[in-house]
Structures are given as C-alpha cells and as structure tokens.
Amino acid sequence: MKKKSNEKETEVSDDVQIELFSTPNGVKAIKSPVRVKILSMLRKGDLSFDEIVKHSGRAKSTVSSHLKLMSKEGIISSRVDPDDARKKIFLFNQNT
C-alpha cells in the first residue's frame, strides 16, 4: 500500500503490529516488535527478568532498556522477587 505524504510516496507495510495500552497518563501505542513480544508474555502472568530474556530471545541489555522505558511510561511495573531481593518480577501496571 502506498500513501502520499508531502508530495512523496512512502511505502506502508500492512503487517505492522501495533498494540494499544491504557496508562495513568493516557493511551500508549506500542509498535516495537520487542516490546509487543514482552507485553504479550506479561499478559499471561508475571515474569522475572531472566524469564523474559529467555523467552524473548533478545540480549539482556535490549530487554532491560525496553523494560525501563515501559516502566517509566506506566505500562508495566515491578516488584522485588520474594526469593531474591536483588531481582525483580515484572507485571502489567495495575492501572492499565
């Protein structure tokens, strides 16, 4: 599908997945495939950082960056792992 924008043709992919999430600050559109994958995993239940890394197939640094941004945006939150206070369990924000 092609759309005209400011006299230029741009290619728009029909297979782009965008997820919408409600946050205390409004609705957030998530387009990043990594973030969509992480959020789809968290829909099924709370997960530790290590579980998210394992199931996402991404580097720890990549997962960490996305989790920090989504936490800051209010889409997800975290709590201390009761078995290891050095680790976090990630979950959907209670307000979403």
PDB file of N, CA and C in Angstrom:
ATOM      1  N   MET A   1       0.840  -1.166   0.000  1.00  0.00           N
ATOM      2  CA  MET A   1       0.000   0.000   0.000  1.00  0.00           C
ATOM      3  C   MET A   1       0.890   1.236   0.000  1.00  0.00           C
ATOM      4  N   LYS A   2       0.624   2.188  -0.862  1.00  0.00           N
ATOM      5  CA  LYS A   2       1.404   3.426  -0.900  1.00  0.00           C
ATOM      6  C   LYS A   2       0.510   4.596  -0.512  1.00  0.00           C
ATOM      7  N   LYS A   3       1.101   5.502   0.241  1.00  0.00           N
ATOM      8  CA  LYS A   3       0.397   6.713   0.635  1.00  0.00           C
ATOM      9  C   LYS A   3       1.230   7.909   0.224  1.00  0.00           C
ATOM     10  N   LYS A   4       0.564   8.976  -0.159  1.00  0.00           N
ATOM     11  CA  LYS A   4       1.278  10.205  -0.479  1.00  0.00           C
ATOM     12  C   LYS A   4       1.370  11.071   0.763  1.00  0.00           C
ATOM     13  N   SER A   5       2.542  11.569   0.997  1.00  0.00           N
ATOM     14  CA  SER A   5       2.784  12.405   2.149  1.00  0.00           C
ATOM     15  C   SER A   5       3.733  13.516   1.722  1.00  0.00           C
ATOM     16  N   ASN A   6       3.252  14.751   1.752  1.00  0.00           N
ATOM     17  CA  ASN A   6       4.061  15.897   1.339  1.00  0.00           C
ATOM     18  C   ASN A   6       4.688  15.683  -0.028  1.00  0.00           C
ATOM     19  N   GLU A   7       3.879  15.223  -0.978  1.00  0.00           N
ATOM     20  CA  GLU A   7       4.302  15.028  -2.362  1.00  0.00           C
ATOM     21  C   GLU A   7       5.275  13.860  -2.552  1.00  0.00           C
ATOM     22  N   LYS A   8       5.590  13.116  -1.486  1.00  0.00           N
ATOM     23  CA  LYS A   8       6.481  11.972  -1.604  1.00  0.00           C
ATOM     24  C   LYS A   8       5.673  10.700  -1.396  1.00  0.00           C
ATOM     25  N   GLU A   9       6.054   9.657  -2.116  1.00  0.00           N
ATOM     26  CA  GLU A   9       5.409   8.376  -1.892  1.00  0.00           C
ATOM     27  C   GLU A   9       6.180   7.631  -0.822  1.00  0.00           C
ATOM     28  N   THR A  10       5.436   7.070   0.118  1.00  0.00           N
ATOM     29  CA  THR A  10       6.065   6.266   1.157  1.00  0.00           C
ATOM     30  C   THR A  10       5.402   4.896   1.172  1.00  0.00           C
ATOM     31  N   GLU A  11       6.211   3.901   1.402  1.00  0.00           N
ATOM     32  CA  GLU A  11       5.706   2.532   1.468  1.00  0.00           C
ATOM     33  C   GLU A  11       5.232   2.271   2.898  1.00  0.00           C
ATOM     34  N   VAL A  12       4.005   1.800   3.051  1.00  0.00           N
ATOM     35  CA  VAL A  12       3.446   1.478   4.355  1.00  0.00           C
ATOM     36  C   VAL A  12       3.185  -0.014   4.392  1.00  0.00           C
ATOM     37  N   SER A  13       3.799  -0.684   5.331  1.00  0.00           N
ATOM     38  CA  SER A  13       3.653  -2.131   5.450  1.00  0.00           C
ATOM     39  C   SER A  13       2.301  -2.472   6.054  1.00  0.00           C
ATOM     40  N   ASP A  14       1.657  -3.494   5.489  1.00  0.00           N
ATOM     41  CA  ASP A  14       0.369  -3.937   6.010  1.00  0.00           C
ATOM     42  C   ASP A  14       0.527  -4.887   7.193  1.00  0.00           C
ATOM     43  N   ASP A  15       1.736  -5.367   7.460  1.00  0.00           N
ATOM     44  CA  ASP A  15       1.930  -6.339   8.524  1.00  0.00           C
ATOM     45  C   ASP A  15       2.542  -5.749   9.795  1.00  0.00           C
ATOM     46  N   VAL A  16       2.490  -4.439   9.970  1.00  0.00           N
ATOM     47  CA  VAL A  16       2.997  -3.802  11.175  1.00  0.00           C
ATOM     48  C   VAL A  16       1.982  -4.031  12.292  1.00  0.00           C
ATOM     49  N   GLN A  17       2.465  -4.570  13.412  1.00  0.00           N
ATOM     50  CA  GLN A  17       1.611  -4.822  14.550  1.00  0.00           C
ATOM     51  C   GLN A  17       1.757  -3.686  15.538  1.00  0.00           C
ATOM     52  N   ILE A  18       0.638  -3.085  15.896  1.00  0.00           N
ATOM     53  CA  ILE A  18       0.629  -2.009  16.878  1.00  0.00           C
ATOM     54  C   ILE A  18      -0.326  -2.414  17.993  1.00  0.00           C
ATOM     55  N   GLU A  19       0.134  -2.323  19.211  1.00  0.00           N
ATOM     56  CA  GLU A  19      -0.680  -2.637  20.379  1.00  0.00           C
ATOM     57  C   GLU A  19      -0.972  -1.330  21.116  1.00  0.00           C
ATOM     58  N   LEU A  20      -2.182  -1.200  21.630  1.00  0.00           N
ATOM     59  CA  LEU A  20      -2.566  -0.025  22.407  1.00  0.00           C
ATOM     60  C   LEU A  20      -2.740  -0.420  23.867  1.00  0.00           C
ATOM     61  N   PHE A  21      -2.195   0.403  24.772  1.00  0.00           N
ATOM     62  CA  PHE A  21      -2.292   0.141  26.195  1.00  0.00           C
ATOM     63  C   PHE A  21      -2.695   1.409  26.917  1.00  0.00           C
ATOM     64  N   SER A  22      -3.592   1.245  27.863  1.00  0.00           N
ATOM     65  CA  SER A  22      -4.040   2.351  28.687  1.00  0.00           C
ATOM     66  C   SER A  22      -3.091   2.516  29.866  1.00  0.00           C
ATOM     67  N   THR A  23      -2.695   3.737  30.137  1.00  0.00           N
ATOM     68  CA  THR A  23      -1.827   4.032  31.277  1.00  0.00           C
ATOM     69  C   THR A  23      -2.453   5.179  32.066  1.00  0.00           C
ATOM     70  N   PRO A  24      -1.951   5.451  33.258  1.00  0.00           N
ATOM     71  CA  PRO A  24      -2.478   6.590  34.019  1.00  0.00           C
ATOM     72  C   PRO A  24      -2.318   7.915  33.273  1.00  0.00           C
ATOM     73  N   ASN A  25      -1.375   7.971  32.321  1.00  0.00           N
ATOM     74  CA  ASN A  25      -1.125   9.199  31.564  1.00  0.00           C
ATOM     75  C   ASN A  25      -1.767   9.200  30.186  1.00  0.00           C
ATOM     76  N   GLY A  26      -2.614   8.227  29.888  1.00  0.00           N
ATOM     77  CA  GLY A  26      -3.267   8.159  28.581  1.00  0.00           C
ATOM     78  C   GLY A  26      -2.970   6.855  27.871  1.00  0.00           C
ATOM     79  N   VAL A  27      -3.324   6.797  26.619  1.00  0.00           N
ATOM     80  CA  VAL A  27      -3.134   5.586  25.819  1.00  0.00           C
ATOM     81  C   VAL A  27      -1.757   5.617  25.162  1.00  0.00           C
ATOM     82  N   LYS A  28      -1.074   4.491  25.177  1.00  0.00           N
ATOM     83  CA  LYS A  28       0.249   4.365  24.549  1.00  0.00           C
ATOM     84  C   LYS A  28       0.151   3.373  23.400  1.00  0.00           C
ATOM     85  N   ALA A  29       0.692   3.738  22.245  1.00  0.00           N
ATOM     86  CA  ALA A  29       0.775   2.834  21.098  1.00  0.00           C
ATOM     87  C   ALA A  29       2.159   2.201  21.096  1.00  0.00           C
ATOM     88  N   ILE A  30       2.178   0.871  21.053  1.00  0.00           N
ATOM     89  CA  ILE A  30       3.441   0.134  21.063  1.00  0.00           C
ATOM     90  C   ILE A  30       3.643  -0.491  19.696  1.00  0.00           C
ATOM     91  N   LYS A  31       4.711  -0.090  19.019  1.00  0.00           N
ATOM     92  CA  LYS A  31       4.997  -0.582  17.677  1.00  0.00           C
ATOM     93  C   LYS A  31       6.217  -1.491  17.625  1.00  0.00           C
ATOM     94  N   SER A  32       7.099  -1.369  18.594  1.00  0.00           N
ATOM     95  CA  SER A  32       8.332  -2.161  18.627  1.00  0.00           C
ATOM     96  C   SER A  32       8.005  -3.651  18.768  1.00  0.00           C
ATOM     97  N   PRO A  33       8.510  -4.481  17.860  1.00  0.00           N
ATOM     98  CA  PRO A  33       8.256  -5.924  17.971  1.00  0.00           C
ATOM     99  C   PRO A  33       8.772  -6.522  19.283  1.00  0.00           C
ATOM    100  N   VAL A  34       9.874  -5.989  19.804  1.00  0.00           N
ATOM    101  CA  VAL A  34      10.413  -6.492  21.069  1.00  0.00           C
ATOM    102  C   VAL A  34       9.452  -6.170  22.213  1.00  0.00           C
ATOM    103  N   ARG A  35       8.970  -4.945  22.243  1.00  0.00           N
ATOM    104  CA  ARG A  35       8.053  -4.534  23.308  1.00  0.00           C
ATOM    105  C   ARG A  35       6.725  -5.276  23.209  1.00  0.00           C
ATOM    106  N   VAL A  36       6.228  -5.472  21.984  1.00  0.00           N
ATOM    107  CA  VAL A  36       4.979  -6.223  21.797  1.00  0.00           C
ATOM    108  C   VAL A  36       5.156  -7.654  22.311  1.00  0.00           C
ATOM    109  N   LYS A  37       6.300  -8.261  22.029  1.00  0.00           N
ATOM    110  CA  LYS A  37       6.563  -9.634  22.487  1.00  0.00           C
ATOM    111  C   LYS A  37       6.627  -9.698  24.011  1.00  0.00           C
ATOM    112  N   ILE A  38       7.335  -8.763  24.624  1.00  0.00           N
ATOM    113  CA  ILE A  38       7.425  -8.732  26.087  1.00  0.00           C
ATOM    114  C   ILE A  38       6.036  -8.569  26.700  1.00  0.00           C
ATOM    115  N   LEU A  39       5.255  -7.660  26.166  1.00  0.00           N
ATOM    116  CA  LEU A  39       3.920  -7.419  26.709  1.00  0.00           C
ATOM    117  C   LEU A  39       2.992  -8.611  26.514  1.00  0.00           C
ATOM    118  N   SER A  40       3.137  -9.308  25.395  1.00  0.00           N
ATOM    119  CA  SER A  40       2.300 -10.499  25.196  1.00  0.00           C
ATOM    120  C   SER A  40       2.661 -11.583  26.202  1.00  0.00           C
ATOM    121  N   MET A  41       3.927 -11.676  26.589  1.00  0.00           N
ATOM    122  CA  MET A  41       4.336 -12.633  27.623  1.00  0.00           C
ATOM    123  C   MET A  41       3.779 -12.225  28.989  1.00  0.00           C
ATOM    124  N   LEU A  42       3.806 -10.927  29.288  1.00  0.00           N
ATOM    125  CA  LEU A  42       3.311 -10.458  30.582  1.00  0.00           C
ATOM    126  C   LEU A  42       1.788 -10.561  30.689  1.00  0.00           C
ATOM    127  N   ARG A  43       1.092 -10.613  29.555  1.00  0.00           N
ATOM    128  CA  ARG A  43      -0.362 -10.821  29.582  1.00  0.00           C
ATOM    129  C   ARG A  43      -0.703 -12.158  30.230  1.00  0.00           C
ATOM    130  N   LYS A  44       0.191 -13.125  30.076  1.00  0.00           N
ATOM    131  CA  LYS A  44      -0.042 -14.473  30.596  1.00  0.00           C
ATOM    132  C   LYS A  44       0.307 -14.595  32.072  1.00  0.00           C
ATOM    133  N   GLY A  45       1.048 -13.626  32.597  1.00  0.00           N
ATOM    134  CA  GLY A  45       1.403 -13.656  34.016  1.00  0.00           C
ATOM    135  C   GLY A  45       2.694 -12.917  34.290  1.00  0.00           C
ATOM    136  N   ASP A  46       2.964 -12.716  35.564  1.00  0.00           N
ATOM    137  CA  ASP A  46       4.170 -12.017  35.994  1.00  0.00           C
ATOM    138  C   ASP A  46       5.398 -12.850  35.658  1.00  0.00           C
ATOM    139  N   LEU A  47       6.483 -12.178  35.277  1.00  0.00           N
ATOM    140  CA  LEU A  47       7.717 -12.865  34.907  1.00  0.00           C
ATOM    141  C   LEU A  47       8.934 -12.160  35.476  1.00  0.00           C
ATOM    142  N   SER A  48       9.948 -12.948  35.783  1.00  0.00           N
ATOM    143  CA  SER A  48      11.220 -12.370  36.213  1.00  0.00           C
ATOM    144  C   SER A  48      11.967 -11.857  34.987  1.00  0.00           C
ATOM    145  N   PHE A  49      12.963 -11.032  35.249  1.00  0.00           N
ATOM    146  CA  PHE A  49      13.798 -10.517  34.167  1.00  0.00           C
ATOM    147  C   PHE A  49      14.416 -11.665  33.376  1.00  0.00           C
ATOM    148  N   ASP A  50      14.960 -12.650  34.083  1.00  0.00           N
ATOM    149  CA  ASP A  50      15.613 -13.781  33.417  1.00  0.00           C
ATOM    150  C   ASP A  50      14.642 -14.574  32.542  1.00  0.00           C
ATOM    151  N   GLU A  51      13.399 -14.723  32.994  1.00  0.00           N
ATOM    152  CA  GLU A  51      12.394 -15.431  32.195  1.00  0.00           C
ATOM    153  C   GLU A  51      12.057 -14.651  30.924  1.00  0.00           C
ATOM    154  N   ILE A  52      11.962 -13.340  31.049  1.00  0.00           N
ATOM    155  CA  ILE A  52      11.667 -12.502  29.880  1.00  0.00           C
ATOM    156  C   ILE A  52      12.800 -12.609  28.864  1.00  0.00           C
ATOM    157  N   VAL A  53      14.040 -12.544  29.336  1.00  0.00           N
ATOM    158  CA  VAL A  53      15.198 -12.663  28.443  1.00  0.00           C
ATOM    159  C   VAL A  53      15.171 -14.023  27.745  1.00  0.00           C
ATOM    160  N   LYS A  54      14.959 -15.077  28.511  1.00  0.00           N
ATOM    161  CA  LYS A  54      14.970 -16.438  27.963  1.00  0.00           C
ATOM    162  C   LYS A  54      13.912 -16.621  26.873  1.00  0.00           C
ATOM    163  N   HIS A  55      12.682 -16.167  27.146  1.00  0.00           N
ATOM    164  CA  HIS A  55      11.581 -16.392  26.205  1.00  0.00           C
ATOM    165  C   HIS A  55      11.542 -15.387  25.049  1.00  0.00           C
ATOM    166  N   SER A  56      12.200 -14.241  25.220  1.00  0.00           N
ATOM    167  CA  SER A  56      12.191 -13.245  24.142  1.00  0.00           C
ATOM    168  C   SER A  56      13.267 -13.518  23.105  1.00  0.00           C
ATOM    169  N   GLY A  57      14.331 -14.200  23.529  1.00  0.00           N
ATOM    170  CA  GLY A  57      15.443 -14.454  22.615  1.00  0.00           C
ATOM    171  C   GLY A  57      16.289 -13.230  22.331  1.00  0.00           C
ATOM    172  N   ARG A  58      16.171 -12.219  23.164  1.00  0.00           N
ATOM    173  CA  ARG A  58      16.931 -10.972  22.988  1.00  0.00           C
ATOM    174  C   ARG A  58      18.030 -10.857  24.044  1.00  0.00           C
ATOM    175  N   ALA A  59      18.965  -9.966  23.793  1.00  0.00           N
ATOM    176  CA  ALA A  59      20.051  -9.722  24.738  1.00  0.00           C
ATOM    177  C   ALA A  59      19.511  -9.083  26.020  1.00  0.00           C
ATOM    178  N   LYS A  60      20.197  -9.332  27.126  1.00  0.00           N
ATOM    179  CA  LYS A  60      19.791  -8.748  28.404  1.00  0.00           C
ATOM    180  C   LYS A  60      19.706  -7.232  28.335  1.00  0.00           C
ATOM    181  N   SER A  61      20.683  -6.624  27.660  1.00  0.00           N
ATOM    182  CA  SER A  61      20.701  -5.157  27.574  1.00  0.00           C
ATOM    183  C   SER A  61      19.489  -4.634  26.800  1.00  0.00           C
ATOM    184  N   THR A  62      19.085  -5.354  25.753  1.00  0.00           N
ATOM    185  CA  THR A  62      17.920  -4.952  24.958  1.00  0.00           C
ATOM    186  C   THR A  62      16.658  -5.046  25.798  1.00  0.00           C
ATOM    187  N   VAL A  63      16.480  -6.168  26.460  1.00  0.00           N
ATOM    188  CA  VAL A  63      15.298  -6.369  27.306  1.00  0.00           C
ATOM    189  C   VAL A  63      15.267  -5.331  28.422  1.00  0.00           C
ATOM    190  N   SER A  64      16.408  -5.097  29.059  1.00  0.00           N
ATOM    191  CA  SER A  64      16.489  -4.131  30.146  1.00  0.00           C
ATOM    192  C   SER A  64      16.059  -2.733  29.690  1.00  0.00           C
ATOM    193  N   SER A  65      16.529  -2.312  28.528  1.00  0.00           N
ATOM    194  CA  SER A  65      16.170  -0.986  28.002  1.00  0.00           C
ATOM    195  C   SER A  65      14.665  -0.864  27.777  1.00  0.00           C
ATOM    196  N   HIS A  66      14.084  -1.889  27.179  1.00  0.00           N
ATOM    197  CA  HIS A  66      12.641  -1.852  26.910  1.00  0.00           C
ATOM    198  C   HIS A  66      11.824  -1.886  28.204  1.00  0.00           C
ATOM    199  N   LEU A  67      12.247  -2.689  29.162  1.00  0.00           N
ATOM    200  CA  LEU A  67      11.530  -2.753  30.439  1.00  0.00           C
ATOM    201  C   LEU A  67      11.596  -1.418  31.172  1.00  0.00           C
ATOM    202  N   LYS A  68      12.742  -0.775  31.152  1.00  0.00           N
ATOM    203  CA  LYS A  68      12.875   0.529  31.807  1.00  0.00           C
ATOM    204  C   LYS A  68      11.962   1.568  31.170  1.00  0.00           C
ATOM    205  N   LEU A  69      11.923   1.590  29.837  1.00  0.00           N
ATOM    206  CA  LEU A  69      11.056   2.556  29.145  1.00  0.00           C
ATOM    207  C   LEU A  69       9.583   2.296  29.422  1.00  0.00           C
ATOM    208  N   MET A  70       9.189   1.025  29.379  1.00  0.00           N
ATOM    209  CA  MET A  70       7.772   0.704  29.628  1.00  0.00           C
ATOM    210  C   MET A  70       7.385   0.964  31.080  1.00  0.00           C
ATOM    211  N   SER A  71       8.316   0.792  32.006  1.00  0.00           N
ATOM    212  CA  SER A  71       8.056   1.123  33.414  1.00  0.00           C
ATOM    213  C   SER A  71       7.878   2.630  33.577  1.00  0.00           C
ATOM    214  N   LYS A  72       8.762   3.379  32.939  1.00  0.00           N
ATOM    215  CA  LYS A  72       8.693   4.842  33.008  1.00  0.00           C
ATOM    216  C   LYS A  72       7.386   5.370  32.404  1.00  0.00           C
ATOM    217  N   GLU A  73       6.918   4.716  31.329  1.00  0.00           N
ATOM    218  CA  GLU A  73       5.676   5.124  30.665  1.00  0.00           C
ATOM    219  C   GLU A  73       4.429   4.658  31.408  1.00  0.00           C
ATOM    220  N   GLY A  74       4.593   3.837  32.442  1.00  0.00           N
ATOM    221  CA  GLY A  74       3.453   3.393  33.236  1.00  0.00           C
ATOM    222  C   GLY A  74       2.714   2.190  32.675  1.00  0.00           C
ATOM    223  N   ILE A  75       3.293   1.523  31.672  1.00  0.00           N
ATOM    224  CA  ILE A  75       2.636   0.366  31.067  1.00  0.00           C
ATOM    225  C   ILE A  75       2.833  -0.872  31.943  1.00  0.00           C
ATOM    226  N   ILE A  76       4.027  -1.020  32.500  1.00  0.00           N
ATOM    227  CA  ILE A  76       4.326  -2.144  33.382  1.00  0.00           C
ATOM    228  C   ILE A  76       4.875  -1.620  34.695  1.00  0.00           C
ATOM    229  N   SER A  77       4.928  -2.491  35.677  1.00  0.00           N
ATOM    230  CA  SER A  77       5.578  -2.155  36.937  1.00  0.00           C
ATOM    231  C   SER A  77       6.357  -3.384  37.385  1.00  0.00           C
ATOM    232  N   SER A  78       7.046  -3.252  38.504  1.00  0.00           N
ATOM    233  CA  SER A  78       7.835  -4.369  39.007  1.00  0.00           C
ATOM    234  C   SER A  78       7.745  -4.418  40.513  1.00  0.00           C
ATOM    235  N   ARG A  79       8.098  -5.582  41.033  1.00  0.00           N
ATOM    236  CA  ARG A  79       8.177  -5.762  42.473  1.00  0.00           C
ATOM    237  C   ARG A  79       9.413  -6.601  42.758  1.00  0.00           C
ATOM    238  N   VAL A  80       9.861  -6.585  43.975  1.00  0.00           N
ATOM    239  CA  VAL A  80      11.033  -7.356  44.369  1.00  0.00           C
ATOM    240  C   VAL A  80      10.671  -8.840  44.372  1.00  0.00           C
ATOM    241  N   ASP A  81      11.569  -9.647  43.848  1.00  0.00           N
ATOM    242  CA  ASP A  81      11.391 -11.098  43.862  1.00  0.00           C
ATOM    243  C   ASP A  81      11.482 -11.575  45.318  1.00  0.00           C
ATOM    244  N   PRO A  82      10.442 -12.260  45.828  1.00  0.00           N
ATOM    245  CA  PRO A  82      10.469 -12.695  47.226  1.00  0.00           C
ATOM    246  C   PRO A  82      11.572 -13.719  47.519  1.00  0.00           C
ATOM    247  N   ASP A  83      12.067 -14.402  46.492  1.00  0.00           N
ATOM    248  CA  ASP A  83      13.126 -15.399  46.675  1.00  0.00           C
ATOM    249  C   ASP A  83      14.525 -14.809  46.562  1.00  0.00           C
ATOM    250  N   ASP A  84      14.640 -13.626  45.974  1.00  0.00           N
ATOM    251  CA  ASP A  84      15.953 -12.998  45.780  1.00  0.00           C
ATOM    252  C   ASP A  84      15.748 -11.484  45.644  1.00  0.00           C
ATOM    253  N   ALA A  85      16.031 -10.768  46.699  1.00  0.00           N
ATOM    254  CA  ALA A  85      15.780  -9.322  46.744  1.00  0.00           C
ATOM    255  C   ALA A  85      16.582  -8.536  45.714  1.00  0.00           C
ATOM    256  N   ARG A  86      17.574  -9.169  45.085  1.00  0.00           N
ATOM    257  CA  ARG A  86      18.364  -8.487  44.053  1.00  0.00           C
ATOM    258  C   ARG A  86      17.653  -8.479  42.709  1.00  0.00           C
ATOM    259  N   LYS A  87      16.590  -9.277  42.584  1.00  0.00           N
ATOM    260  CA  LYS A  87      15.911  -9.436  41.300  1.00  0.00           C
ATOM    261  C   LYS A  87      14.506  -8.850  41.345  1.00  0.00           C
ATOM    262  N   LYS A  88      13.952  -8.581  40.140  1.00  0.00           N
ATOM    263  CA  LYS A  88      12.606  -8.022  40.021  1.00  0.00           C
ATOM    264  C   LYS A  88      11.691  -8.982  39.284  1.00  0.00           C
ATOM    265  N   ILE A  89      10.412  -8.878  39.620  1.00  0.00           N
ATOM    266  CA  ILE A  89       9.345  -9.559  38.894  1.00  0.00           C
ATOM    267  C   ILE A  89       8.569  -8.456  38.176  1.00  0.00           C
ATOM    268  N   PHE A  90       8.339  -8.627  36.870  1.00  0.00           N
ATOM    269  CA  PHE A  90       7.642  -7.617  36.080  1.00  0.00           C
ATOM    270  C   PHE A  90       6.195  -8.032  35.850  1.00  0.00           C
ATOM    271  N   LEU A  91       5.302  -7.023  35.818  1.00  0.00           N
ATOM    272  CA  LEU A  91       3.872  -7.269  35.658  1.00  0.00           C
ATOM    273  C   LEU A  91       3.217  -6.069  35.003  1.00  0.00           C
ATOM    274  N   PHE A  92       2.021  -6.289  34.482  1.00  0.00           N
ATOM    275  CA  PHE A  92       1.262  -5.167  33.949  1.00  0.00           C
ATOM    276  C   PHE A  92       0.940  -4.233  35.084  1.00  0.00           C
ATOM    277  N   ASN A  93       1.002  -2.943  34.825  1.00  0.00           N
ATOM    278  CA  ASN A  93       0.653  -1.952  35.814  1.00  0.00           C
ATOM    279  C   ASN A  93      -0.801  -2.169  36.221  1.00  0.00           C
ATOM    280  N   GLN A  94      -1.083  -2.077  37.490  1.00  0.00           N
ATOM    281  CA  GLN A  94      -2.445  -2.290  37.995  1.00  0.00           C
ATOM    282  C   GLN A  94      -3.440  -1.290  37.411  1.00  0.00           C
ATOM    283  N   ASN A  95      -2.962  -0.156  36.910  1.00  0.00           N
ATOM    284  CA  ASN A  95      -3.842   0.884  36.372  1.00  0.00           C
ATOM    285  C   ASN A  95      -4.102   0.724  34.885  1.00  0.00           C
ATOM    286  N   THR A  96      -3.536  -0.326  34.214  1.00  0.00           N
ATOM    287  CA  THR A  96      -3.725  -0.473  32.780  1.00  0.00           C
ATOM    288  C   THR A  96      -4.959  -1.286  32.494  1.00  0.00           C
TER     289      THR A  96
END
